[in-house]
Amino acid sequence: MSNLRFRCLIDSYLCGIAPFESYIEKGTIDSGLILISFDETEVDIIRTLFKDNVHKGQETYLDKIQLVGTDDYLYIMSQTSLEKKEKMPHSIMKAYRYYKSYKKKQLRAYKHINNELQNNNDGIRKIHGVKFSSYKYTDKVNKMSIPFRLSEAKEKNRPLFVLFHGAGALGHDNIKQMFDNIPLYRQISKEDCNILFPQAPYGSNRGYDLIQSYIKSVKKLVDELPIDFDRNRIYIVGTSFGGCCVWHISYLFPDFFAAGIPVMGKLFFDNDFSCYDVERLATTSLWIAHSSDDNNVTIDSDDYCFDELQKLGADVKYTRWDKYGHSMSGKFYNEEKWTEWCLSKKLK
């Protein structure tokens, strides 16, 4: 390295940002997102600031801090090194604008949830509709407000599918998650089943605590659904962020779901495989699907869980491809008989 300067985005969700104030190029402390710039001679100072101000539970962030050099290359700063990577595919200003917009959406989501919690009683209330009826669920225990759609089976005591959407459908419009799950609905609708489409608020994909609040609330919602369905045949399916939801809700509530299909998801956000008791997952039939060239959600967690579940003799299968990247879900849902597999599973 020679005469390099670096730029770095810092989100207040991961690290306290006030100590970096003298290095701010864009953003403010109050906004919760800043872009800092500094000289290569200041790398050790910046590294120490990160170490001293990282939030509890986010310590693994210290080994994968992304910097962009004035040579347009990506650098990964850890607690002990600075490693040069590939050329940046886009400008850091583009990333800054994206995350700034996301932070605003996340703030609006918090305000919306707080308003819902203050002005509504606990429980489900119907908004409108017959087919794909629109509902809202207020859960003061988990401090969550969830809009959802529900497609009811024609007959009573039929299975229930819970469909978790990807990060692109976050919000509270109660629409995007429907479009996100059209390929799944087309398959399931061939059978007479109940289908639940919950929508996660912005911010739910930003870490362990936030996803936990959301999925705990979804489980509580399932418990309180005002329909007659077979509680021994509840199936959970999700893509990307939704695949992460399948993993986490299966882990938190063993012996509740008959089967789960996490597609392009992960249980271990920080790759700390020792922090989970994988045996908790062994009571749920699982069909994992992922591609090794997925750069959005890495496959390491799924590989580890599959190996460990096999050792435990669990009912688990794995569709593992080496191409298609983070777009493999379409091929999986269209070509694999995942609906039939789910419907063959039942709690004992």
Protein backbone atom coordinates (compact mmCIF):
# COMPACT_ATOMS: atom_id res chain seq x y z
CA MET A 1 0.00 0.00 0.00
CA SER A 2 1.18 3.51 -0.71
CA ASN A 3 -0.48 6.91 -0.20
CA LEU A 4 -3.87 5.25 0.12
CA ARG A 5 -6.93 6.67 1.77
CA PHE A 6 -9.83 4.53 2.86
CA ARG A 7 -13.56 5.02 3.20
CA CYS A 8 -15.86 2.94 5.37
CA LEU A 9 -19.58 2.82 6.18
CA ILE A 10 -20.50 2.49 9.85
CA ASP A 11 -24.02 1.61 10.99
CA SER A 12 -24.99 2.44 14.57
CA TYR A 13 -26.67 -0.97 14.72
CA LEU A 14 -23.22 -2.58 14.70
CA CYS A 15 -21.04 -0.04 16.45
CA GLY A 16 -21.16 3.18 18.40
CA ILE A 17 -20.44 5.91 15.87
CA ALA A 18 -19.93 9.04 18.00
CA PRO A 19 -16.17 8.36 18.55
CA PHE A 20 -15.67 8.47 14.75
CA GLU A 21 -17.05 12.01 14.45
CA SER A 22 -13.76 13.63 13.40
CA TYR A 23 -13.52 11.21 10.45
CA ILE A 24 -17.05 11.72 9.09
CA GLU A 25 -17.32 12.50 5.38
CA LYS A 26 -21.07 11.92 4.99
CA GLY A 27 -23.93 11.46 7.42
CA THR A 28 -24.49 12.52 11.01
CA ILE A 29 -24.37 10.87 14.43
CA ASP A 30 -28.14 11.33 14.80
CA SER A 31 -28.88 9.59 11.49
CA GLY A 32 -27.25 6.37 12.71
CA LEU A 33 -25.21 5.95 9.52
CA ILE A 34 -21.92 7.61 8.62
CA LEU A 35 -19.30 7.37 5.90
CA ILE A 36 -15.81 7.96 7.27
CA SER A 37 -12.52 8.52 5.45
CA PHE A 38 -8.98 8.21 6.77
CA ASP A 39 -5.38 7.81 5.70
CA GLU A 40 -3.57 4.45 5.66
CA THR A 41 -1.39 5.69 8.54
CA GLU A 42 -4.57 5.88 10.66
CA VAL A 43 -5.68 2.27 10.13
CA ASP A 44 -4.58 1.16 13.62
CA ILE A 45 -6.45 4.09 15.21
CA ILE A 46 -9.64 3.19 13.34
CA ARG A 47 -9.24 -0.48 14.22
CA THR A 48 -8.99 0.42 17.92
CA LEU A 49 -12.06 2.65 17.70
CA PHE A 50 -14.05 -0.24 16.24
CA LYS A 51 -12.79 -2.62 18.93
CA ASP A 52 -13.67 -0.21 21.75
CA ASN A 53 -17.14 0.65 20.47
CA VAL A 54 -18.56 -2.48 18.84
CA HIS A 55 -21.92 -3.46 20.33
CA LYS A 56 -22.26 -6.59 22.44
CA GLY A 57 -23.15 -9.56 20.27
CA GLN A 58 -21.58 -7.99 17.16
CA GLU A 59 -17.94 -8.80 17.94
CA THR A 60 -17.48 -10.96 14.83
CA TYR A 61 -17.96 -7.75 12.82
CA LEU A 62 -14.43 -6.77 13.90
CA ASP A 63 -12.90 -9.38 11.59
CA LYS A 64 -14.78 -8.38 8.44
CA ILE A 65 -14.86 -4.58 8.33
CA GLN A 66 -15.06 -3.48 4.70
CA LEU A 67 -12.92 -0.58 3.50
CA VAL A 68 -12.72 0.88 0.03
CA GLY A 69 -9.36 2.25 -1.04
CA THR A 70 -8.68 5.16 -3.36
CA ASP A 71 -7.40 2.49 -5.76
CA ASP A 72 -11.05 1.26 -5.99
CA TYR A 73 -10.24 -2.08 -4.37
CA LEU A 74 -12.10 -3.65 -1.48
CA TYR A 75 -10.07 -4.23 1.70
CA ILE A 76 -11.10 -6.38 4.66
CA MET A 77 -9.84 -5.10 8.00
CA SER A 78 -9.69 -7.59 10.87
CA GLN A 79 -8.33 -7.16 14.37
CA THR A 80 -4.88 -8.19 13.17
CA SER A 81 -4.65 -7.56 9.43
CA LEU A 82 -5.72 -5.59 6.38
CA GLU A 83 -6.29 -7.76 3.30
CA LYS A 84 -6.69 -6.50 -0.24
CA LYS A 85 -9.56 -8.12 -2.16
CA GLU A 86 -11.20 -7.60 -5.55
CA LYS A 87 -12.11 -4.44 -7.41
CA MET A 88 -15.28 -2.85 -6.06
CA PRO A 89 -18.24 -3.52 -8.42
CA HIS A 90 -19.93 -0.25 -7.42
CA SER A 91 -19.08 2.99 -5.68
CA ILE A 92 -19.22 3.27 -1.91
CA MET A 93 -21.44 6.33 -2.35
CA LYS A 94 -24.04 4.09 -4.00
CA ALA A 95 -23.86 1.81 -0.96
CA TYR A 96 -24.16 4.80 1.34
CA ARG A 97 -27.30 6.04 -0.43
CA TYR A 98 -28.82 2.56 -0.27
CA TYR A 99 -28.23 2.11 3.47
CA LYS A 100 -29.31 5.67 4.19
CA SER A 101 -32.61 4.95 2.47
CA TYR A 102 -32.91 1.66 4.37
CA LYS A 103 -32.29 3.37 7.73
CA LYS A 104 -35.13 5.79 6.99
CA LYS A 105 -37.45 2.89 6.15
CA GLN A 106 -36.39 1.12 9.33
CA LEU A 107 -37.12 4.22 11.41
CA ARG A 108 -40.56 4.54 9.83
CA ALA A 109 -41.17 0.85 10.58
CA TYR A 110 -40.39 1.37 14.28
CA LYS A 111 -42.75 4.34 14.41
CA HIS A 112 -45.46 2.33 12.67
CA ILE A 113 -45.08 -0.60 15.08
CA ASN A 114 -45.15 1.69 18.12
CA ASN A 115 -48.29 3.35 16.81
CA GLU A 116 -49.95 -0.04 16.26
CA LEU A 117 -49.01 -1.20 19.75
CA GLN A 118 -50.33 1.98 21.38
CA ASN A 119 -53.63 2.13 19.50
CA ASN A 120 -54.70 -1.51 19.25
CA ASN A 121 -55.39 -4.40 21.58
CA ASP A 122 -53.45 -7.65 21.44
CA GLY A 123 -54.60 -10.12 18.82
CA ILE A 124 -55.85 -10.41 15.25
CA ARG A 125 -58.11 -7.98 13.47
CA LYS A 126 -59.44 -8.41 9.96
CA ILE A 127 -59.02 -5.50 7.57
CA HIS A 128 -60.83 -6.66 4.43
CA GLY A 129 -61.25 -9.40 1.86
CA VAL A 130 -62.48 -12.95 1.46
CA LYS A 131 -59.85 -14.76 -0.58
CA PHE A 132 -56.38 -13.75 0.63
CA SER A 133 -58.04 -11.82 3.42
CA SER A 134 -55.97 -8.98 4.87
CA TYR A 135 -55.29 -8.95 8.62
CA LYS A 136 -53.11 -7.24 11.18
CA TYR A 137 -51.72 -8.89 14.27
CA THR A 138 -50.70 -6.93 17.35
CA ASP A 139 -48.32 -8.72 19.69
CA LYS A 140 -47.41 -6.66 22.74
CA VAL A 141 -45.42 -9.51 24.30
CA ASN A 142 -42.85 -9.42 21.49
CA LYS A 143 -43.43 -5.73 20.67
CA MET A 144 -44.35 -6.58 17.12
CA SER A 145 -47.07 -5.67 14.62
CA ILE A 146 -47.46 -8.05 11.69
CA PRO A 147 -49.68 -7.55 8.65
CA PHE A 148 -50.58 -10.87 7.05
CA ARG A 149 -52.69 -12.51 4.39
CA LEU A 150 -54.53 -15.77 4.85
CA SER A 151 -55.87 -18.15 2.23
CA GLU A 152 -58.20 -20.66 3.85
CA ALA A 153 -58.70 -24.24 2.72
CA LYS A 154 -62.15 -25.33 1.58
CA GLU A 155 -62.28 -28.20 4.05
CA LYS A 156 -61.63 -28.15 7.78
CA ASN A 157 -58.63 -29.75 9.48
CA ARG A 158 -56.37 -29.25 6.47
CA PRO A 159 -52.60 -28.53 6.67
CA LEU A 160 -51.18 -25.03 7.13
CA PHE A 161 -48.25 -23.63 5.13
CA VAL A 162 -46.44 -20.60 6.56
CA LEU A 163 -44.53 -18.79 3.80
CA PHE A 164 -41.63 -16.55 4.82
CA HIS A 165 -40.64 -13.94 2.23
CA GLY A 166 -37.24 -12.57 1.23
CA ALA A 167 -35.73 -9.22 2.29
CA GLY A 168 -37.14 -7.49 -0.79
CA ALA A 169 -40.67 -7.82 0.60
CA LEU A 170 -40.02 -6.22 4.00
CA GLY A 171 -42.53 -3.55 4.97
CA HIS A 172 -46.09 -3.16 6.19
CA ASP A 173 -48.07 -2.74 2.96
CA ASN A 174 -49.35 -6.35 3.22
CA ILE A 175 -48.82 -6.81 -0.52
CA LYS A 176 -45.14 -7.38 -1.35
CA GLN A 177 -44.93 -10.69 0.50
CA MET A 178 -47.77 -12.02 -1.68
CA PHE A 179 -45.92 -11.32 -4.92
CA ASP A 180 -42.70 -12.66 -3.42
CA ASN A 181 -44.38 -16.01 -2.79
CA ILE A 182 -46.33 -16.45 -6.04
CA PRO A 183 -44.21 -19.45 -7.20
CA LEU A 184 -44.84 -21.18 -3.88
CA TYR A 185 -48.54 -20.39 -3.86
CA ARG A 186 -48.98 -21.84 -7.34
CA GLN A 187 -47.59 -25.15 -6.14
CA ILE A 188 -49.46 -25.29 -2.83
CA SER A 189 -52.79 -24.17 -4.34
CA LYS A 190 -52.96 -27.47 -6.21
CA GLU A 191 -53.78 -28.98 -2.82
CA ASP A 192 -56.51 -27.93 -0.41
CA CYS A 193 -54.36 -26.20 2.22
CA ASN A 194 -54.38 -23.12 4.40
CA ILE A 195 -51.64 -20.62 3.53
CA LEU A 196 -50.34 -17.89 5.83
CA PHE A 197 -48.35 -14.97 4.38
CA PRO A 198 -46.85 -12.88 7.23
CA GLN A 199 -44.88 -9.71 6.38
CA ALA A 200 -41.81 -8.74 8.38
CA PRO A 201 -41.06 -5.06 9.11
CA TYR A 202 -37.93 -3.29 7.90
CA GLY A 203 -35.06 -4.09 10.21
CA SER A 204 -36.06 -7.72 10.82
CA ASN A 205 -33.12 -8.89 8.73
CA ARG A 206 -30.55 -6.83 10.61
CA GLY A 207 -29.46 -9.40 13.20
CA TYR A 208 -30.26 -12.10 15.69
CA ASP A 209 -32.41 -10.14 18.16
CA LEU A 210 -34.60 -8.57 15.49
CA ILE A 211 -35.33 -11.77 13.60
CA GLN A 212 -36.07 -13.47 16.92
CA SER A 213 -38.79 -10.95 17.80
CA TYR A 214 -40.42 -11.41 14.40
CA ILE A 215 -40.45 -15.21 14.34
CA LYS A 216 -41.61 -15.48 17.96
CA SER A 217 -44.52 -13.28 16.98
CA VAL A 218 -45.27 -15.42 13.91
CA LYS A 219 -45.35 -18.55 16.11
CA LYS A 220 -47.75 -16.78 18.48
CA LEU A 221 -49.87 -15.74 15.49
CA VAL A 222 -50.10 -19.35 14.30
CA ASP A 223 -51.28 -20.36 17.78
CA GLU A 224 -54.06 -17.78 17.62
CA LEU A 225 -55.27 -18.21 14.02
CA PRO A 226 -59.10 -18.29 14.04
CA ILE A 227 -59.38 -21.21 11.58
CA ASP A 228 -59.70 -24.96 11.87
CA PHE A 229 -56.46 -26.53 10.62
CA ASP A 230 -54.42 -29.69 11.28
CA ARG A 231 -51.94 -28.68 13.96
CA ASN A 232 -49.91 -31.81 13.33
CA ARG A 233 -49.27 -30.69 9.75
CA ILE A 234 -47.83 -27.17 9.88
CA TYR A 235 -45.15 -26.53 7.25
CA ILE A 236 -42.72 -23.62 7.02
CA VAL A 237 -41.06 -22.55 3.78
CA GLY A 238 -38.85 -19.51 3.14
CA THR A 239 -36.38 -17.99 0.72
CA SER A 240 -33.20 -16.04 1.58
CA PHE A 241 -34.23 -13.95 4.62
CA GLY A 242 -37.26 -16.24 4.71
CA GLY A 243 -34.92 -19.24 4.74
CA CYS A 244 -33.22 -17.75 7.81
CA CYS A 245 -36.66 -17.44 9.41
CA VAL A 246 -37.32 -21.14 8.78
CA TRP A 247 -34.05 -22.08 10.46
CA HIS A 248 -34.60 -19.89 13.50
CA ILE A 249 -38.26 -20.72 14.10
CA SER A 250 -37.45 -24.43 13.79
CA TYR A 251 -34.69 -23.98 16.35
CA LEU A 252 -36.79 -21.99 18.81
CA PHE A 253 -39.84 -24.24 18.59
CA PRO A 254 -38.86 -27.89 18.16
CA ASP A 255 -41.74 -30.41 17.99
CA PHE A 256 -44.10 -27.76 16.63
CA PHE A 257 -43.63 -27.83 12.84
CA ALA A 258 -43.98 -31.05 10.88
CA ALA A 259 -41.53 -29.94 8.18
CA GLY A 260 -39.46 -26.97 7.06
CA ILE A 261 -37.77 -25.94 3.82
CA PRO A 262 -35.07 -23.27 4.28
CA VAL A 263 -34.00 -22.15 0.79
CA MET A 264 -30.80 -20.05 0.62
CA GLY A 265 -31.00 -19.34 4.35
CA LYS A 266 -28.70 -19.74 7.33
CA LEU A 267 -28.93 -20.38 11.05
CA PHE A 268 -25.49 -19.01 11.97
CA PHE A 269 -25.37 -15.30 11.16
CA ASP A 270 -21.83 -14.97 12.53
CA ASN A 271 -20.57 -18.49 11.64
CA ASP A 272 -20.07 -19.25 15.32
CA PHE A 273 -21.17 -22.86 15.02
CA SER A 274 -20.61 -23.56 18.71
CA CYS A 275 -23.36 -21.22 19.90
CA TYR A 276 -26.26 -23.45 18.81
CA ASP A 277 -27.43 -26.88 19.94
CA VAL A 278 -28.20 -28.37 16.52
CA GLU A 279 -29.94 -31.31 18.19
CA ARG A 280 -32.93 -28.99 18.74
CA LEU A 281 -33.50 -29.08 14.97
CA ALA A 282 -33.54 -32.88 14.76
CA THR A 283 -37.25 -33.18 15.61
CA THR A 284 -38.34 -31.24 12.51
CA SER A 285 -38.13 -32.79 9.04
CA LEU A 286 -35.96 -30.43 6.99
CA TRP A 287 -35.22 -30.07 3.29
CA ILE A 288 -32.31 -27.66 2.86
CA ALA A 289 -31.67 -26.01 -0.52
CA HIS A 290 -28.71 -23.80 -1.39
CA SER A 291 -26.00 -23.17 -3.97
CA SER A 292 -22.29 -23.08 -3.16
CA ASP A 293 -21.75 -19.99 -5.36
CA ASP A 294 -24.31 -17.89 -3.47
CA ASN A 295 -22.58 -14.60 -2.63
CA ASN A 296 -25.59 -13.07 -0.88
CA VAL A 297 -26.15 -15.75 1.76
CA THR A 298 -23.14 -18.02 2.17
CA ILE A 299 -23.62 -21.78 2.26
CA ASP A 300 -21.35 -22.55 5.26
CA SER A 301 -24.15 -22.66 7.80
CA ASP A 302 -26.30 -25.01 5.72
CA ASP A 303 -23.38 -27.36 5.07
CA TYR A 304 -22.63 -27.54 8.78
CA CYS A 305 -26.24 -28.09 9.85
CA PHE A 306 -26.79 -30.81 7.27
CA ASP A 307 -23.67 -32.70 8.37
CA GLU A 308 -24.58 -32.44 12.04
CA LEU A 309 -28.21 -33.43 11.50
CA GLN A 310 -27.14 -36.46 9.49
CA LYS A 311 -24.93 -37.55 12.39
CA LEU A 312 -27.97 -37.28 14.66
CA GLY A 313 -30.05 -39.46 12.34
CA ALA A 314 -32.51 -36.64 11.66
CA ASP A 315 -34.99 -36.60 8.79
CA VAL A 316 -33.03 -34.20 6.59
CA LYS A 317 -32.28 -33.89 2.88
CA TYR A 318 -30.15 -31.40 0.96
CA THR A 319 -30.44 -29.99 -2.54
CA ARG A 320 -26.96 -28.54 -2.96
CA TRP A 321 -26.02 -27.03 -6.30
CA ASP A 322 -22.75 -25.45 -7.42
CA LYS A 323 -24.32 -22.95 -9.82
CA TYR A 324 -27.30 -20.59 -10.04
CA GLY A 325 -26.03 -18.46 -7.12
CA HIS A 326 -28.69 -16.52 -5.23
CA SER A 327 -31.26 -17.14 -7.96
CA MET A 328 -31.41 -20.90 -7.45
CA SER A 329 -34.75 -20.72 -5.62
CA GLY A 330 -36.79 -20.42 -8.83
CA LYS A 331 -35.31 -23.59 -10.25
CA PHE A 332 -35.80 -25.41 -6.95
CA TYR A 333 -39.45 -24.48 -6.51
CA ASN A 334 -40.29 -25.23 -10.14
CA GLU A 335 -38.48 -28.55 -10.46
CA GLU A 336 -38.51 -30.21 -7.05
CA LYS A 337 -41.57 -31.92 -5.53
CA TRP A 338 -41.27 -30.03 -2.28
CA THR A 339 -45.02 -29.64 -1.72
CA GLU A 340 -45.57 -33.40 -1.91
CA TRP A 341 -42.64 -33.94 0.45
CA CYS A 342 -44.08 -31.53 3.02
CA LEU A 343 -47.54 -33.08 2.88
CA SER A 344 -46.04 -36.51 3.55
CA LYS A 345 -44.76 -35.28 6.94
CA LYS A 346 -46.76 -35.24 10.16
CA LEU A 347 -45.90 -34.69 13.81
CA LYS A 348 -45.81 -37.97 15.72
